[in-house]
Amino acid sequence: MARPQVPPLPDGQGKDTVEKLCRDCHGFAILFEPKRTKATWKKIVDQMAGLGVKGEDEEFDTVVEYLARRFGKINVNKAPAAELQDVLEITPNEAQAIVRQREANGDFKDFEGLKKVPGMDARKVDERRDRILFR
């Protein structure tokens, strides 16, 4: 039986390290679904290290950062602007606007509230729904 086709890993800082540490054990299909929070990616990477994957602490940190950015989910009610920018692939101004809005008005309840943030491109919110959590 043929393996399902898996798209190539997205380019970005850390891609080479992910390929080096993760390719031989399980391939990359498991990276694409479901999206996970940075904390969950850290737990998974720590488990892999505990199972004997050879790498330096810095390499494991690089893998977590890459996975969180490229295959991550983020809580828009807790994340700092830099993480919002990375995971949601939005501009620094949009990320700061989200933080300002939440600090001024409390947690976001839904996508509609997030799309109403002044300076936020509502189309980006719709395109990245699978990356957004409201906790």
C-alpha atoms as a PDB file:
ATOM      1  CA  MET A   1       0.000   0.000   0.000  1.00  0.00           C
ATOM      2  CA  ALA A   2       1.413   3.397  -0.979  1.00  0.00           C
ATOM      3  CA  ARG A   3       1.982   6.100   1.613  1.00  0.00           C
ATOM      4  CA  PRO A   4      -0.234   9.162   1.302  1.00  0.00           C
ATOM      5  CA  GLN A   5       1.371  12.158  -0.372  1.00  0.00           C
ATOM      6  CA  VAL A   6       2.646  14.632   2.191  1.00  0.00           C
ATOM      7  CA  PRO A   7       3.345  18.209   1.149  1.00  0.00           C
ATOM      8  CA  PRO A   8       6.879  19.451   1.688  1.00  0.00           C
ATOM      9  CA  LEU A   9       7.666  21.199   4.934  1.00  0.00           C
ATOM     10  CA  PRO A  10       7.215  24.954   4.721  1.00  0.00           C
ATOM     11  CA  ASP A  11      10.411  26.962   4.470  1.00  0.00           C
ATOM     12  CA  GLY A  12      11.549  28.773   7.559  1.00  0.00           C
ATOM     13  CA  GLN A  13      14.162  28.919  10.261  1.00  0.00           C
ATOM     14  CA  GLY A  14      14.426  25.479  11.812  1.00  0.00           C
ATOM     15  CA  LYS A  15      13.242  23.439   8.820  1.00  0.00           C
ATOM     16  CA  ASP A  16      16.623  21.724   8.454  1.00  0.00           C
ATOM     17  CA  THR A  17      16.658  20.801  12.137  1.00  0.00           C
ATOM     18  CA  VAL A  18      13.143  19.341  11.944  1.00  0.00           C
ATOM     19  CA  GLU A  19      14.161  17.302   8.912  1.00  0.00           C
ATOM     20  CA  LYS A  20      17.287  16.087  10.684  1.00  0.00           C
ATOM     21  CA  LEU A  21      15.601  15.060  13.959  1.00  0.00           C
ATOM     22  CA  CYS A  22      12.146  13.941  12.830  1.00  0.00           C
ATOM     23  CA  ARG A  23      12.392  12.350   9.395  1.00  0.00           C
ATOM     24  CA  ASP A  24      13.699   8.899  10.274  1.00  0.00           C
ATOM     25  CA  CYS A  25      11.234   7.947  13.017  1.00  0.00           C
ATOM     26  CA  HIS A  26       7.834   8.941  11.695  1.00  0.00           C
ATOM     27  CA  GLY A  27       8.014  11.179   8.659  1.00  0.00           C
ATOM     28  CA  PHE A  28       6.179  14.468   8.373  1.00  0.00           C
ATOM     29  CA  ALA A  29       2.529  13.532   7.814  1.00  0.00           C
ATOM     30  CA  ILE A  30       1.782  13.800  11.543  1.00  0.00           C
ATOM     31  CA  LEU A  31       2.881  17.444  11.536  1.00  0.00           C
ATOM     32  CA  PHE A  32       0.098  18.635   9.267  1.00  0.00           C
ATOM     33  CA  GLU A  33      -2.965  17.752  11.355  1.00  0.00           C
ATOM     34  CA  PRO A  34      -4.151  18.563  13.891  1.00  0.00           C
ATOM     35  CA  LYS A  35      -2.653  21.952  14.636  1.00  0.00           C
ATOM     36  CA  ARG A  36      -1.262  22.170  18.162  1.00  0.00           C
ATOM     37  CA  THR A  37      -0.313  24.871  20.625  1.00  0.00           C
ATOM     38  CA  LYS A  38       3.313  25.654  21.331  1.00  0.00           C
ATOM     39  CA  ALA A  39       2.995  24.011  24.764  1.00  0.00           C
ATOM     40  CA  THR A  40       1.675  20.825  23.162  1.00  0.00           C
ATOM     41  CA  TRP A  41       4.475  20.791  20.574  1.00  0.00           C
ATOM     42  CA  LYS A  42       6.967  21.167  23.445  1.00  0.00           C
ATOM     43  CA  LYS A  43       5.477  18.144  25.241  1.00  0.00           C
ATOM     44  CA  ILE A  44       5.636  16.067  22.060  1.00  0.00           C
ATOM     45  CA  VAL A  45       9.243  17.049  21.356  1.00  0.00           C
ATOM     46  CA  ASP A  46      10.170  16.301  24.986  1.00  0.00           C
ATOM     47  CA  GLN A  47       8.550  12.865  24.620  1.00  0.00           C
ATOM     48  CA  MET A  48      10.528  12.192  21.456  1.00  0.00           C
ATOM     49  CA  ALA A  49      13.744  13.184  23.229  1.00  0.00           C
ATOM     50  CA  GLY A  50      12.778  10.846  26.076  1.00  0.00           C
ATOM     51  CA  LEU A  51      12.307   8.045  23.574  1.00  0.00           C
ATOM     52  CA  GLY A  52      15.876   8.455  22.399  1.00  0.00           C
ATOM     53  CA  VAL A  53      15.883  10.970  19.569  1.00  0.00           C
ATOM     54  CA  LYS A  54      19.415  12.318  19.510  1.00  0.00           C
ATOM     55  CA  GLY A  55      19.807  16.066  19.531  1.00  0.00           C
ATOM     56  CA  GLU A  56      21.052  19.015  21.526  1.00  0.00           C
ATOM     57  CA  ASP A  57      18.739  21.094  23.728  1.00  0.00           C
ATOM     58  CA  GLU A  58      19.102  23.993  21.291  1.00  0.00           C
ATOM     59  CA  GLU A  59      18.002  21.761  18.421  1.00  0.00           C
ATOM     60  CA  PHE A  60      14.901  20.621  20.303  1.00  0.00           C
ATOM     61  CA  ASP A  61      14.063  24.261  21.086  1.00  0.00           C
ATOM     62  CA  THR A  62      14.460  25.082  17.385  1.00  0.00           C
ATOM     63  CA  VAL A  63      12.101  22.238  16.454  1.00  0.00           C
ATOM     64  CA  VAL A  64       9.454  23.485  18.908  1.00  0.00           C
ATOM     65  CA  GLU A  65       9.698  27.031  17.547  1.00  0.00           C
ATOM     66  CA  TYR A  66       9.434  25.851  13.940  1.00  0.00           C
ATOM     67  CA  LEU A  67       6.468  23.566  14.637  1.00  0.00           C
ATOM     68  CA  ALA A  68       4.636  26.223  16.648  1.00  0.00           C
ATOM     69  CA  ARG A  69       5.048  28.756  13.831  1.00  0.00           C
ATOM     70  CA  ARG A  70       4.272  26.472  10.905  1.00  0.00           C
ATOM     71  CA  PHE A  71       1.835  23.973  12.439  1.00  0.00           C
ATOM     72  CA  GLY A  72       0.612  25.870  15.455  1.00  0.00           C
ATOM     73  CA  LYS A  73      -2.507  27.055  17.141  1.00  0.00           C
ATOM     74  CA  ILE A  74      -2.550  30.093  19.368  1.00  0.00           C
ATOM     75  CA  ASN A  75      -4.750  31.478  22.103  1.00  0.00           C
ATOM     76  CA  VAL A  76      -5.461  35.052  21.022  1.00  0.00           C
ATOM     77  CA  ASN A  77      -6.510  35.903  24.580  1.00  0.00           C
ATOM     78  CA  LYS A  78      -3.123  35.098  26.139  1.00  0.00           C
ATOM     79  CA  ALA A  79      -0.382  35.198  23.503  1.00  0.00           C
ATOM     80  CA  PRO A  80       2.065  38.091  23.272  1.00  0.00           C
ATOM     81  CA  ALA A  81       2.159  40.120  20.069  1.00  0.00           C
ATOM     82  CA  ALA A  82       5.330  38.442  18.745  1.00  0.00           C
ATOM     83  CA  GLU A  83       3.750  34.968  18.930  1.00  0.00           C
ATOM     84  CA  LEU A  84       0.527  36.216  17.353  1.00  0.00           C
ATOM     85  CA  GLN A  85       2.574  37.651  14.519  1.00  0.00           C
ATOM     86  CA  ASP A  86       4.529  34.420  13.986  1.00  0.00           C
ATOM     87  CA  VAL A  87       1.745  31.857  14.241  1.00  0.00           C
ATOM     88  CA  LEU A  88      -0.953  33.864  12.482  1.00  0.00           C
ATOM     89  CA  GLU A  89       1.440  35.365   9.932  1.00  0.00           C
ATOM     90  CA  ILE A  90       0.116  38.864  10.501  1.00  0.00           C
ATOM     91  CA  THR A  91       1.877  42.201  10.568  1.00  0.00           C
ATOM     92  CA  PRO A  92       3.424  43.616  13.746  1.00  0.00           C
ATOM     93  CA  ASN A  93       0.753  46.353  13.692  1.00  0.00           C
ATOM     94  CA  GLU A  94      -2.068  43.802  13.506  1.00  0.00           C
ATOM     95  CA  ALA A  95      -0.563  41.766  16.354  1.00  0.00           C
ATOM     96  CA  GLN A  96      -0.207  44.872  18.524  1.00  0.00           C
ATOM     97  CA  ALA A  97      -3.782  45.886  17.686  1.00  0.00           C
ATOM     98  CA  ILE A  98      -5.060  42.510  18.916  1.00  0.00           C
ATOM     99  CA  VAL A  99      -3.170  42.902  22.192  1.00  0.00           C
ATOM    100  CA  ARG A 100      -4.390  46.501  22.671  1.00  0.00           C
ATOM    101  CA  GLN A 101      -7.993  45.527  21.971  1.00  0.00           C
ATOM    102  CA  ARG A 102      -7.919  42.618  24.402  1.00  0.00           C
ATOM    103  CA  GLU A 103      -6.246  44.716  27.117  1.00  0.00           C
ATOM    104  CA  ALA A 104      -8.843  47.457  26.697  1.00  0.00           C
ATOM    105  CA  ASN A 105     -11.945  45.290  26.325  1.00  0.00           C
ATOM    106  CA  GLY A 106     -11.190  41.849  27.746  1.00  0.00           C
ATOM    107  CA  ASP A 107     -10.931  38.467  26.090  1.00  0.00           C
ATOM    108  CA  PHE A 108     -12.191  37.794  22.601  1.00  0.00           C
ATOM    109  CA  LYS A 109     -15.202  35.502  22.493  1.00  0.00           C
ATOM    110  CA  ASP A 110     -15.325  34.618  18.804  1.00  0.00           C
ATOM    111  CA  PHE A 111     -14.009  35.250  15.312  1.00  0.00           C
ATOM    112  CA  GLU A 112     -16.408  38.115  14.694  1.00  0.00           C
ATOM    113  CA  GLY A 113     -14.959  40.051  17.623  1.00  0.00           C
ATOM    114  CA  LEU A 114     -11.426  39.409  16.406  1.00  0.00           C
ATOM    115  CA  LYS A 115     -12.287  40.586  12.901  1.00  0.00           C
ATOM    116  CA  LYS A 116     -13.512  43.903  14.327  1.00  0.00           C
ATOM    117  CA  VAL A 117     -10.117  44.820  15.792  1.00  0.00           C
ATOM    118  CA  PRO A 118      -9.152  48.202  14.300  1.00  0.00           C
ATOM    119  CA  GLY A 119      -6.372  47.655  11.785  1.00  0.00           C
ATOM    120  CA  MET A 120      -6.947  43.891  11.511  1.00  0.00           C
ATOM    121  CA  ASP A 121      -7.515  42.407   8.064  1.00  0.00           C
ATOM    122  CA  ALA A 122     -10.706  40.358   8.576  1.00  0.00           C
ATOM    123  CA  ARG A 123      -9.788  38.167   5.591  1.00  0.00           C
ATOM    124  CA  LYS A 124      -6.690  36.969   7.465  1.00  0.00           C
ATOM    125  CA  VAL A 125      -8.818  35.942  10.433  1.00  0.00           C
ATOM    126  CA  ASP A 126     -11.042  33.864   8.159  1.00  0.00           C
ATOM    127  CA  GLU A 127      -8.066  32.268   6.391  1.00  0.00           C
ATOM    128  CA  ARG A 128      -6.399  31.304   9.698  1.00  0.00           C
ATOM    129  CA  ARG A 129      -9.388  30.054  11.701  1.00  0.00           C
ATOM    130  CA  ASP A 130      -7.746  26.676  12.187  1.00  0.00           C
ATOM    131  CA  ARG A 131      -4.875  28.370  14.046  1.00  0.00           C
ATOM    132  CA  ILE A 132      -6.955  30.435  16.496  1.00  0.00           C
ATOM    133  CA  LEU A 133      -8.147  29.501  19.978  1.00  0.00           C
ATOM    134  CA  PHE A 134     -10.299  31.547  22.366  1.00  0.00           C
ATOM    135  CA  ARG A 135      -9.431  30.391  25.905  1.00  0.00           C
END
